[in-house]
Amino acid sequence: MKKLLMIMGMTIFTMNLFSAQFDPKKYEPVEIEKLRATPEDLKNKKVCFETVYWKYETTFPPYVERSGYKAGKDYYLAVDPGSFPVIADKTDEMNAIIPTLKRGSKIRVYGKVKKFSSPPVETRFPHYFLELDKLEIIELGDGNDPDENISDPVKRKLIKRILGK
């Protein structure tokens, strides 16, 4: 009887171990332009895309907190496009990666597109976000402000607003 229980326990443990492994083939690659224009078409789908990292926040707007994301357990990543944030759980892996990322780093993110359960007060705030499963660093940024080399004044103003300047 003890052997049977032990075998069953090991089987359940092994199933959980292998089910938690990350498989990038399950994620549909999408272009940022499509994500920006029609995030509602990708709602509840697993996607991946390459983007530029700007900064992270550990405090959230009230509507994000009402949707269940808290400062003590999640990161709010500002990435390009600024209208589509990435929210990551504070795990040991994310605690090691996110604070060391430099502004302007090129990253690939994998996750599920979701809609905030609590709508924002103002329509200019994001309604959709990516719930992060995996983050890969493609190229570390130099940490400088990315708006220094942008000639388009509208884009420069948008980036400054995203960065909170």
N, C-alpha and C. Protein backbone atom coordinates (compact mmCIF):
# COMPACT_ATOMS: atom_id res chain seq x y z
N MET A 1 0.82 -1.19 0.00
CA MET A 1 0.00 0.00 0.00
C MET A 1 0.87 1.26 0.00
N LYS A 2 1.94 1.26 0.82
CA LYS A 2 2.82 2.41 0.87
C LYS A 2 3.49 2.63 -0.48
N LYS A 3 3.86 1.52 -1.14
CA LYS A 3 4.51 1.64 -2.44
C LYS A 3 3.55 2.23 -3.47
N LEU A 4 2.30 1.82 -3.41
CA LEU A 4 1.31 2.33 -4.34
C LEU A 4 1.11 3.84 -4.15
N LEU A 5 1.00 4.27 -2.90
CA LEU A 5 0.86 5.69 -2.62
C LEU A 5 2.10 6.46 -3.06
N MET A 6 3.26 5.86 -2.85
CA MET A 6 4.51 6.52 -3.24
C MET A 6 4.59 6.65 -4.77
N ILE A 7 4.20 5.63 -5.49
CA ILE A 7 4.21 5.67 -6.95
C ILE A 7 3.22 6.71 -7.46
N MET A 8 2.03 6.75 -6.85
CA MET A 8 1.03 7.74 -7.26
C MET A 8 1.55 9.16 -6.99
N GLY A 9 2.18 9.35 -5.85
CA GLY A 9 2.72 10.66 -5.51
C GLY A 9 3.81 11.07 -6.48
N MET A 10 4.68 10.16 -6.84
CA MET A 10 5.76 10.47 -7.79
C MET A 10 5.18 10.77 -9.17
N THR A 11 4.14 10.06 -9.57
CA THR A 11 3.50 10.29 -10.87
C THR A 11 2.89 11.68 -10.92
N ILE A 12 2.18 12.07 -9.89
CA ILE A 12 1.57 13.40 -9.84
C ILE A 12 2.65 14.48 -9.84
N PHE A 13 3.71 14.26 -9.07
CA PHE A 13 4.81 15.23 -9.04
C PHE A 13 5.45 15.37 -10.42
N THR A 14 5.70 14.28 -11.09
CA THR A 14 6.31 14.31 -12.42
C THR A 14 5.40 14.99 -13.42
N MET A 15 4.10 14.73 -13.36
CA MET A 15 3.16 15.37 -14.28
C MET A 15 3.17 16.88 -14.07
N ASN A 16 3.18 17.32 -12.82
CA ASN A 16 3.22 18.75 -12.53
C ASN A 16 4.53 19.37 -12.98
N LEU A 17 5.61 18.66 -12.83
CA LEU A 17 6.92 19.16 -13.23
C LEU A 17 6.97 19.39 -14.73
N PHE A 18 6.51 18.41 -15.50
CA PHE A 18 6.58 18.53 -16.95
C PHE A 18 5.51 19.47 -17.52
N SER A 19 4.40 19.62 -16.84
CA SER A 19 3.38 20.53 -17.34
C SER A 19 3.78 21.99 -17.14
N ALA A 20 4.69 22.25 -16.21
CA ALA A 20 5.11 23.62 -15.93
C ALA A 20 6.24 24.08 -16.85
N GLN A 21 6.77 23.20 -17.69
CA GLN A 21 7.85 23.60 -18.58
C GLN A 21 7.33 24.53 -19.66
N PHE A 22 8.17 25.47 -20.04
CA PHE A 22 7.82 26.48 -21.01
C PHE A 22 8.02 25.95 -22.42
N ASP A 23 7.02 26.13 -23.28
CA ASP A 23 7.10 25.71 -24.68
C ASP A 23 6.78 26.90 -25.58
N PRO A 24 7.80 27.52 -26.21
CA PRO A 24 7.54 28.71 -27.03
C PRO A 24 6.68 28.44 -28.26
N LYS A 25 6.53 27.19 -28.66
CA LYS A 25 5.71 26.86 -29.83
C LYS A 25 4.22 27.10 -29.59
N LYS A 26 3.84 27.19 -28.33
CA LYS A 26 2.43 27.42 -27.98
C LYS A 26 2.02 28.89 -28.11
N TYR A 27 2.99 29.76 -28.41
CA TYR A 27 2.73 31.19 -28.46
C TYR A 27 2.77 31.68 -29.90
N GLU A 28 1.74 32.43 -30.29
CA GLU A 28 1.65 32.96 -31.65
C GLU A 28 2.45 34.26 -31.76
N PRO A 29 3.44 34.31 -32.66
CA PRO A 29 4.17 35.57 -32.84
C PRO A 29 3.24 36.63 -33.45
N VAL A 30 3.26 37.83 -32.91
CA VAL A 30 2.44 38.92 -33.43
C VAL A 30 3.30 40.16 -33.61
N GLU A 31 2.87 41.02 -34.51
CA GLU A 31 3.54 42.30 -34.74
C GLU A 31 2.99 43.33 -33.76
N ILE A 32 3.84 44.22 -33.33
CA ILE A 32 3.43 45.26 -32.38
C ILE A 32 2.30 46.10 -32.96
N GLU A 33 2.35 46.38 -34.25
CA GLU A 33 1.31 47.20 -34.87
C GLU A 33 -0.06 46.55 -34.73
N LYS A 34 -0.13 45.24 -34.92
CA LYS A 34 -1.40 44.52 -34.79
C LYS A 34 -1.87 44.56 -33.33
N LEU A 35 -0.94 44.38 -32.42
CA LEU A 35 -1.26 44.39 -31.00
C LEU A 35 -1.78 45.75 -30.57
N ARG A 36 -1.17 46.80 -31.08
CA ARG A 36 -1.59 48.16 -30.77
C ARG A 36 -2.97 48.46 -31.35
N ALA A 37 -3.20 48.03 -32.59
CA ALA A 37 -4.44 48.38 -33.28
C ALA A 37 -5.64 47.56 -32.81
N THR A 38 -5.45 46.26 -32.62
CA THR A 38 -6.60 45.39 -32.31
C THR A 38 -6.27 44.37 -31.21
N PRO A 39 -6.00 44.83 -29.99
CA PRO A 39 -5.72 43.85 -28.93
C PRO A 39 -6.93 42.98 -28.60
N GLU A 40 -8.14 43.49 -28.87
CA GLU A 40 -9.34 42.70 -28.57
C GLU A 40 -9.43 41.44 -29.42
N ASP A 41 -8.81 41.43 -30.61
CA ASP A 41 -8.80 40.24 -31.45
C ASP A 41 -7.91 39.14 -30.88
N LEU A 42 -6.98 39.53 -30.01
CA LEU A 42 -6.03 38.57 -29.43
C LEU A 42 -6.36 38.23 -27.98
N LYS A 43 -7.50 38.70 -27.49
CA LYS A 43 -7.87 38.47 -26.09
C LYS A 43 -7.87 36.98 -25.76
N ASN A 44 -7.24 36.64 -24.64
CA ASN A 44 -7.12 35.28 -24.12
C ASN A 44 -6.28 34.36 -25.00
N LYS A 45 -5.49 34.93 -25.91
CA LYS A 45 -4.60 34.11 -26.74
C LYS A 45 -3.17 34.26 -26.23
N LYS A 46 -2.41 33.19 -26.38
CA LYS A 46 -1.00 33.21 -26.02
C LYS A 46 -0.22 33.78 -27.19
N VAL A 47 0.51 34.86 -26.93
CA VAL A 47 1.26 35.53 -27.99
C VAL A 47 2.69 35.80 -27.53
N CYS A 48 3.55 36.11 -28.50
CA CYS A 48 4.89 36.57 -28.19
C CYS A 48 5.23 37.69 -29.17
N PHE A 49 6.06 38.61 -28.72
CA PHE A 49 6.51 39.70 -29.59
C PHE A 49 7.79 40.29 -29.04
N GLU A 50 8.54 40.90 -29.95
CA GLU A 50 9.76 41.61 -29.57
C GLU A 50 9.41 43.06 -29.36
N THR A 51 10.02 43.66 -28.35
CA THR A 51 9.70 45.02 -28.00
C THR A 51 10.89 45.70 -27.36
N VAL A 52 10.72 46.95 -27.00
CA VAL A 52 11.74 47.71 -26.29
C VAL A 52 11.24 48.00 -24.88
N TYR A 53 12.07 47.71 -23.91
CA TYR A 53 11.75 47.92 -22.50
C TYR A 53 12.08 49.35 -22.11
N TRP A 54 11.15 50.03 -21.41
CA TRP A 54 11.40 51.40 -20.95
C TRP A 54 11.67 51.44 -19.45
N LYS A 55 10.76 50.89 -18.66
CA LYS A 55 10.91 50.94 -17.21
C LYS A 55 9.91 49.98 -16.56
N TYR A 56 10.02 49.82 -15.25
CA TYR A 56 9.03 49.04 -14.52
C TYR A 56 8.50 49.87 -13.36
N GLU A 57 7.30 49.52 -12.96
CA GLU A 57 6.65 50.17 -11.82
C GLU A 57 6.20 49.09 -10.85
N THR A 58 6.20 49.42 -9.58
CA THR A 58 5.65 48.50 -8.58
C THR A 58 4.41 49.08 -7.93
N THR A 59 4.03 50.27 -8.37
CA THR A 59 2.75 50.84 -7.94
C THR A 59 1.88 50.98 -9.18
N PHE A 60 0.60 50.78 -9.01
CA PHE A 60 -0.30 50.71 -10.15
C PHE A 60 -1.41 51.74 -10.06
N PRO A 61 -1.98 52.10 -11.22
CA PRO A 61 -3.18 52.94 -11.19
C PRO A 61 -4.31 52.18 -10.47
N PRO A 62 -5.27 52.90 -9.90
CA PRO A 62 -6.35 52.24 -9.15
C PRO A 62 -7.11 51.17 -9.93
N TYR A 63 -7.37 51.39 -11.22
CA TYR A 63 -8.14 50.40 -11.97
C TYR A 63 -7.37 49.10 -12.16
N VAL A 64 -6.03 49.18 -12.20
CA VAL A 64 -5.21 47.97 -12.30
C VAL A 64 -5.28 47.20 -10.99
N GLU A 65 -5.21 47.90 -9.87
CA GLU A 65 -5.33 47.24 -8.57
C GLU A 65 -6.72 46.64 -8.38
N ARG A 66 -7.76 47.33 -8.85
CA ARG A 66 -9.12 46.77 -8.75
C ARG A 66 -9.26 45.52 -9.60
N SER A 67 -8.40 45.37 -10.60
CA SER A 67 -8.41 44.18 -11.46
C SER A 67 -7.65 43.02 -10.82
N GLY A 68 -7.06 43.24 -9.64
CA GLY A 68 -6.43 42.15 -8.90
C GLY A 68 -4.91 42.16 -8.89
N TYR A 69 -4.28 43.17 -9.43
CA TYR A 69 -2.82 43.23 -9.45
C TYR A 69 -2.35 44.17 -8.36
N LYS A 70 -1.42 43.70 -7.55
CA LYS A 70 -1.00 44.45 -6.37
C LYS A 70 0.49 44.78 -6.42
N ALA A 71 0.86 45.86 -5.77
CA ALA A 71 2.24 46.32 -5.76
C ALA A 71 3.20 45.31 -5.14
N GLY A 72 2.78 44.60 -4.15
CA GLY A 72 3.66 43.66 -3.48
C GLY A 72 3.88 42.35 -4.20
N LYS A 73 3.06 42.08 -5.23
CA LYS A 73 3.20 40.78 -5.88
C LYS A 73 3.37 40.84 -7.40
N ASP A 74 3.34 42.03 -7.99
CA ASP A 74 3.43 42.14 -9.45
C ASP A 74 4.33 43.30 -9.87
N TYR A 75 4.85 43.18 -11.10
CA TYR A 75 5.57 44.26 -11.78
C TYR A 75 4.69 44.76 -12.92
N TYR A 76 4.75 46.05 -13.18
CA TYR A 76 4.06 46.68 -14.31
C TYR A 76 5.17 47.19 -15.22
N LEU A 77 5.35 46.53 -16.38
CA LEU A 77 6.43 46.89 -17.30
C LEU A 77 5.91 47.82 -18.38
N ALA A 78 6.59 48.93 -18.55
CA ALA A 78 6.28 49.85 -19.65
C ALA A 78 7.17 49.46 -20.82
N VAL A 79 6.53 49.04 -21.90
CA VAL A 79 7.23 48.63 -23.11
C VAL A 79 6.61 49.33 -24.31
N ASP A 80 7.25 49.20 -25.46
CA ASP A 80 6.68 49.74 -26.69
C ASP A 80 5.70 48.70 -27.23
N PRO A 81 4.48 48.98 -27.54
CA PRO A 81 3.81 50.27 -27.48
C PRO A 81 3.40 50.63 -26.05
N GLY A 82 3.43 51.90 -25.75
CA GLY A 82 3.10 52.37 -24.42
C GLY A 82 1.66 52.12 -24.02
N SER A 83 0.81 51.84 -25.02
CA SER A 83 -0.60 51.59 -24.73
C SER A 83 -0.87 50.12 -24.44
N PHE A 84 0.19 49.33 -24.27
CA PHE A 84 0.02 47.89 -24.02
C PHE A 84 1.04 47.44 -22.97
N PRO A 85 0.69 47.54 -21.68
CA PRO A 85 1.64 47.17 -20.63
C PRO A 85 1.78 45.65 -20.50
N VAL A 86 2.84 45.27 -19.83
CA VAL A 86 3.10 43.87 -19.51
C VAL A 86 3.10 43.76 -17.99
N ILE A 87 2.35 42.80 -17.46
CA ILE A 87 2.30 42.60 -16.01
C ILE A 87 2.91 41.24 -15.69
N ALA A 88 3.87 41.26 -14.76
CA ALA A 88 4.59 40.03 -14.40
C ALA A 88 4.47 39.77 -12.91
N ASP A 89 4.33 38.51 -12.55
CA ASP A 89 4.36 38.11 -11.15
C ASP A 89 5.76 38.34 -10.59
N LYS A 90 5.84 38.72 -9.33
CA LYS A 90 7.15 38.86 -8.68
C LYS A 90 7.60 37.47 -8.23
N THR A 91 8.31 36.79 -9.11
CA THR A 91 8.90 35.49 -8.79
C THR A 91 10.40 35.68 -8.61
N ASP A 92 11.09 34.65 -8.16
CA ASP A 92 12.54 34.75 -8.00
C ASP A 92 13.20 35.06 -9.34
N GLU A 93 12.72 34.43 -10.41
CA GLU A 93 13.28 34.67 -11.74
C GLU A 93 13.07 36.12 -12.17
N MET A 94 11.85 36.62 -12.02
CA MET A 94 11.56 38.00 -12.42
C MET A 94 12.27 39.01 -11.52
N ASN A 95 12.41 38.70 -10.23
CA ASN A 95 13.12 39.58 -9.31
C ASN A 95 14.60 39.69 -9.68
N ALA A 96 15.14 38.66 -10.32
CA ALA A 96 16.53 38.69 -10.75
C ALA A 96 16.69 39.43 -12.08
N ILE A 97 15.69 39.34 -12.95
CA ILE A 97 15.82 39.91 -14.30
C ILE A 97 15.38 41.37 -14.37
N ILE A 98 14.17 41.65 -13.94
CA ILE A 98 13.56 42.96 -14.20
C ILE A 98 14.33 44.14 -13.60
N PRO A 99 14.73 44.12 -12.34
CA PRO A 99 15.45 45.30 -11.83
C PRO A 99 16.81 45.55 -12.51
N THR A 100 17.37 44.53 -13.16
CA THR A 100 18.67 44.71 -13.82
C THR A 100 18.53 45.15 -15.27
N LEU A 101 17.32 45.10 -15.83
CA LEU A 101 17.13 45.54 -17.21
C LEU A 101 17.40 47.04 -17.32
N LYS A 102 18.04 47.42 -18.41
CA LYS A 102 18.30 48.83 -18.64
C LYS A 102 17.32 49.37 -19.66
N ARG A 103 17.03 50.63 -19.52
CA ARG A 103 16.15 51.33 -20.45
C ARG A 103 16.66 51.15 -21.88
N GLY A 104 15.76 50.83 -22.80
CA GLY A 104 16.14 50.64 -24.19
C GLY A 104 16.52 49.22 -24.54
N SER A 105 16.44 48.28 -23.58
CA SER A 105 16.77 46.88 -23.86
C SER A 105 15.75 46.27 -24.82
N LYS A 106 16.23 45.46 -25.74
CA LYS A 106 15.33 44.73 -26.63
C LYS A 106 15.02 43.40 -25.95
N ILE A 107 13.72 43.14 -25.83
CA ILE A 107 13.29 41.91 -25.16
C ILE A 107 12.24 41.20 -25.99
N ARG A 108 12.07 39.92 -25.72
CA ARG A 108 10.96 39.14 -26.30
C ARG A 108 10.11 38.68 -25.12
N VAL A 109 8.82 38.96 -25.21
CA VAL A 109 7.91 38.59 -24.13
C VAL A 109 6.90 37.56 -24.63
N TYR A 110 6.58 36.64 -23.75
CA TYR A 110 5.60 35.59 -24.02
C TYR A 110 4.52 35.69 -22.94
N GLY A 111 3.28 35.60 -23.34
CA GLY A 111 2.21 35.66 -22.36
C GLY A 111 0.84 35.63 -22.98
N LYS A 112 -0.15 35.87 -22.15
CA LYS A 112 -1.55 35.83 -22.57
C LYS A 112 -2.12 37.23 -22.56
N VAL A 113 -2.79 37.60 -23.66
CA VAL A 113 -3.43 38.91 -23.76
C VAL A 113 -4.71 38.88 -22.92
N LYS A 114 -4.84 39.87 -22.05
CA LYS A 114 -6.02 39.94 -21.18
C LYS A 114 -6.56 41.35 -21.16
N LYS A 115 -7.81 41.46 -20.74
CA LYS A 115 -8.45 42.76 -20.57
C LYS A 115 -8.58 43.01 -19.07
N PHE A 116 -8.30 44.25 -18.65
CA PHE A 116 -8.47 44.58 -17.24
C PHE A 116 -9.93 44.40 -16.87
N SER A 117 -10.18 43.75 -15.74
CA SER A 117 -11.57 43.50 -15.33
C SER A 117 -12.25 44.78 -14.86
N SER A 118 -11.46 45.74 -14.43
CA SER A 118 -12.01 47.03 -14.02
C SER A 118 -11.61 48.05 -15.08
N PRO A 119 -12.58 48.70 -15.72
CA PRO A 119 -12.21 49.65 -16.79
C PRO A 119 -11.51 50.88 -16.24
N PRO A 120 -10.59 51.45 -17.02
CA PRO A 120 -9.92 52.68 -16.58
C PRO A 120 -10.90 53.85 -16.56
N VAL A 121 -10.60 54.83 -15.72
CA VAL A 121 -11.45 56.01 -15.61
C VAL A 121 -11.38 56.83 -16.89
N GLU A 122 -10.17 56.94 -17.44
CA GLU A 122 -9.98 57.69 -18.68
C GLU A 122 -9.72 56.72 -19.82
N THR A 123 -10.26 57.01 -20.98
CA THR A 123 -10.12 56.09 -22.11
C THR A 123 -8.70 56.04 -22.66
N ARG A 124 -7.85 57.00 -22.32
CA ARG A 124 -6.48 56.99 -22.84
C ARG A 124 -5.62 55.93 -22.16
N PHE A 125 -6.05 55.42 -21.01
CA PHE A 125 -5.30 54.38 -20.33
C PHE A 125 -5.55 53.02 -20.99
N PRO A 126 -4.58 52.12 -20.90
CA PRO A 126 -4.74 50.81 -21.56
C PRO A 126 -5.91 50.00 -21.00
N HIS A 127 -6.59 49.32 -21.90
CA HIS A 127 -7.68 48.42 -21.52
C HIS A 127 -7.21 46.97 -21.53
N TYR A 128 -6.15 46.69 -22.30
CA TYR A 128 -5.61 45.34 -22.44
C TYR A 128 -4.16 45.33 -22.00
N PHE A 129 -3.69 44.14 -21.63
CA PHE A 129 -2.30 43.98 -21.19
C PHE A 129 -1.85 42.56 -21.49
N LEU A 130 -0.57 42.32 -21.31
CA LEU A 130 -0.02 40.98 -21.47
C LEU A 130 0.34 40.45 -20.09
N GLU A 131 -0.23 39.31 -19.74
CA GLU A 131 0.13 38.64 -18.50
C GLU A 131 1.36 37.78 -18.82
N LEU A 132 2.50 38.18 -18.31
CA LEU A 132 3.79 37.61 -18.71
C LEU A 132 3.99 36.19 -18.21
N ASP A 133 4.42 35.32 -19.14
CA ASP A 133 4.83 33.97 -18.79
C ASP A 133 6.35 33.84 -18.82
N LYS A 134 6.98 34.50 -19.79
CA LYS A 134 8.43 34.36 -19.98
C LYS A 134 8.97 35.64 -20.60
N LEU A 135 10.16 36.04 -20.19
CA LEU A 135 10.84 37.21 -20.73
C LEU A 135 12.24 36.78 -21.16
N GLU A 136 12.60 37.09 -22.40
CA GLU A 136 13.94 36.80 -22.90
C GLU A 136 14.60 38.13 -23.26
N ILE A 137 15.85 38.28 -22.87
CA ILE A 137 16.61 39.48 -23.21
C ILE A 137 17.33 39.22 -24.53
N ILE A 138 17.05 40.06 -25.53
CA ILE A 138 17.70 39.93 -26.84
C ILE A 138 18.98 40.76 -26.85
N GLU A 139 18.86 41.99 -26.37
CA GLU A 139 20.01 42.90 -26.35
C GLU A 139 19.82 43.91 -25.23
N LEU A 140 20.82 44.03 -24.37
CA LEU A 140 20.74 45.00 -23.28
C LEU A 140 20.87 46.41 -23.80
N GLY A 141 20.06 47.28 -23.28
CA GLY A 141 20.13 48.69 -23.65
C GLY A 141 21.27 49.39 -22.94
N ASP A 142 21.51 50.63 -23.30
CA ASP A 142 22.59 51.38 -22.67
C ASP A 142 22.12 52.18 -21.47
N GLY A 143 20.82 52.20 -21.22
CA GLY A 143 20.28 52.91 -20.07
C GLY A 143 20.01 54.38 -20.33
N ASN A 144 20.43 54.89 -21.49
CA ASN A 144 20.19 56.29 -21.81
C ASN A 144 18.73 56.50 -22.19
N ASP A 145 18.30 57.73 -22.11
CA ASP A 145 16.95 58.05 -22.52
C ASP A 145 16.81 57.80 -24.02
N PRO A 146 15.85 57.01 -24.42
CA PRO A 146 15.69 56.71 -25.85
C PRO A 146 15.20 57.89 -26.66
N ASP A 147 14.68 58.92 -26.00
CA ASP A 147 14.14 60.05 -26.75
C ASP A 147 15.21 61.01 -27.26
N GLU A 148 16.47 60.79 -26.88
CA GLU A 148 17.54 61.69 -27.30
C GLU A 148 17.73 61.70 -28.81
N ASN A 149 17.54 60.55 -29.45
CA ASN A 149 17.81 60.44 -30.88
C ASN A 149 16.55 60.42 -31.74
N ILE A 150 15.41 60.78 -31.19
CA ILE A 150 14.15 60.75 -31.93
C ILE A 150 13.86 62.15 -32.45
N SER A 151 13.73 62.25 -33.77
CA SER A 151 13.51 63.57 -34.36
C SER A 151 12.03 63.95 -34.39
N ASP A 152 11.14 62.97 -34.41
CA ASP A 152 9.70 63.24 -34.46
C ASP A 152 9.23 63.79 -33.11
N PRO A 153 8.77 65.05 -33.04
CA PRO A 153 8.39 65.65 -31.75
C PRO A 153 7.19 64.96 -31.09
N VAL A 154 6.26 64.44 -31.89
CA VAL A 154 5.09 63.77 -31.31
C VAL A 154 5.52 62.48 -30.62
N LYS A 155 6.37 61.70 -31.28
CA LYS A 155 6.86 60.45 -30.70
C LYS A 155 7.73 60.74 -29.47
N ARG A 156 8.56 61.79 -29.53
CA ARG A 156 9.40 62.16 -28.40
C ARG A 156 8.53 62.52 -27.19
N LYS A 157 7.45 63.27 -27.42
CA LYS A 157 6.54 63.67 -26.34
C LYS A 157 5.86 62.44 -25.73
N LEU A 158 5.44 61.49 -26.58
CA LEU A 158 4.80 60.27 -26.10
C LEU A 158 5.76 59.46 -25.24
N ILE A 159 7.00 59.32 -25.67
CA ILE A 159 7.98 58.56 -24.89
C ILE A 159 8.27 59.25 -23.57
N LYS A 160 8.35 60.56 -23.57
CA LYS A 160 8.57 61.28 -22.31
C LYS A 160 7.41 61.06 -21.34
N ARG A 161 6.18 61.01 -21.88
CA ARG A 161 5.01 60.77 -21.03
C ARG A 161 5.05 59.35 -20.45
N ILE A 162 5.46 58.38 -21.28
CA ILE A 162 5.56 56.99 -20.81
C ILE A 162 6.59 56.89 -19.70
N LEU A 163 7.72 57.58 -19.87
CA LEU A 163 8.80 57.52 -18.89
C LEU A 163 8.56 58.39 -17.68
N GLY A 164 7.50 59.18 -17.71
CA GLY A 164 7.15 59.99 -16.55
C GLY A 164 8.03 61.21 -16.37
N LYS A 165 8.44 61.81 -17.47
CA LYS A 165 9.30 63.00 -17.40
C LYS A 165 8.50 64.27 -17.50
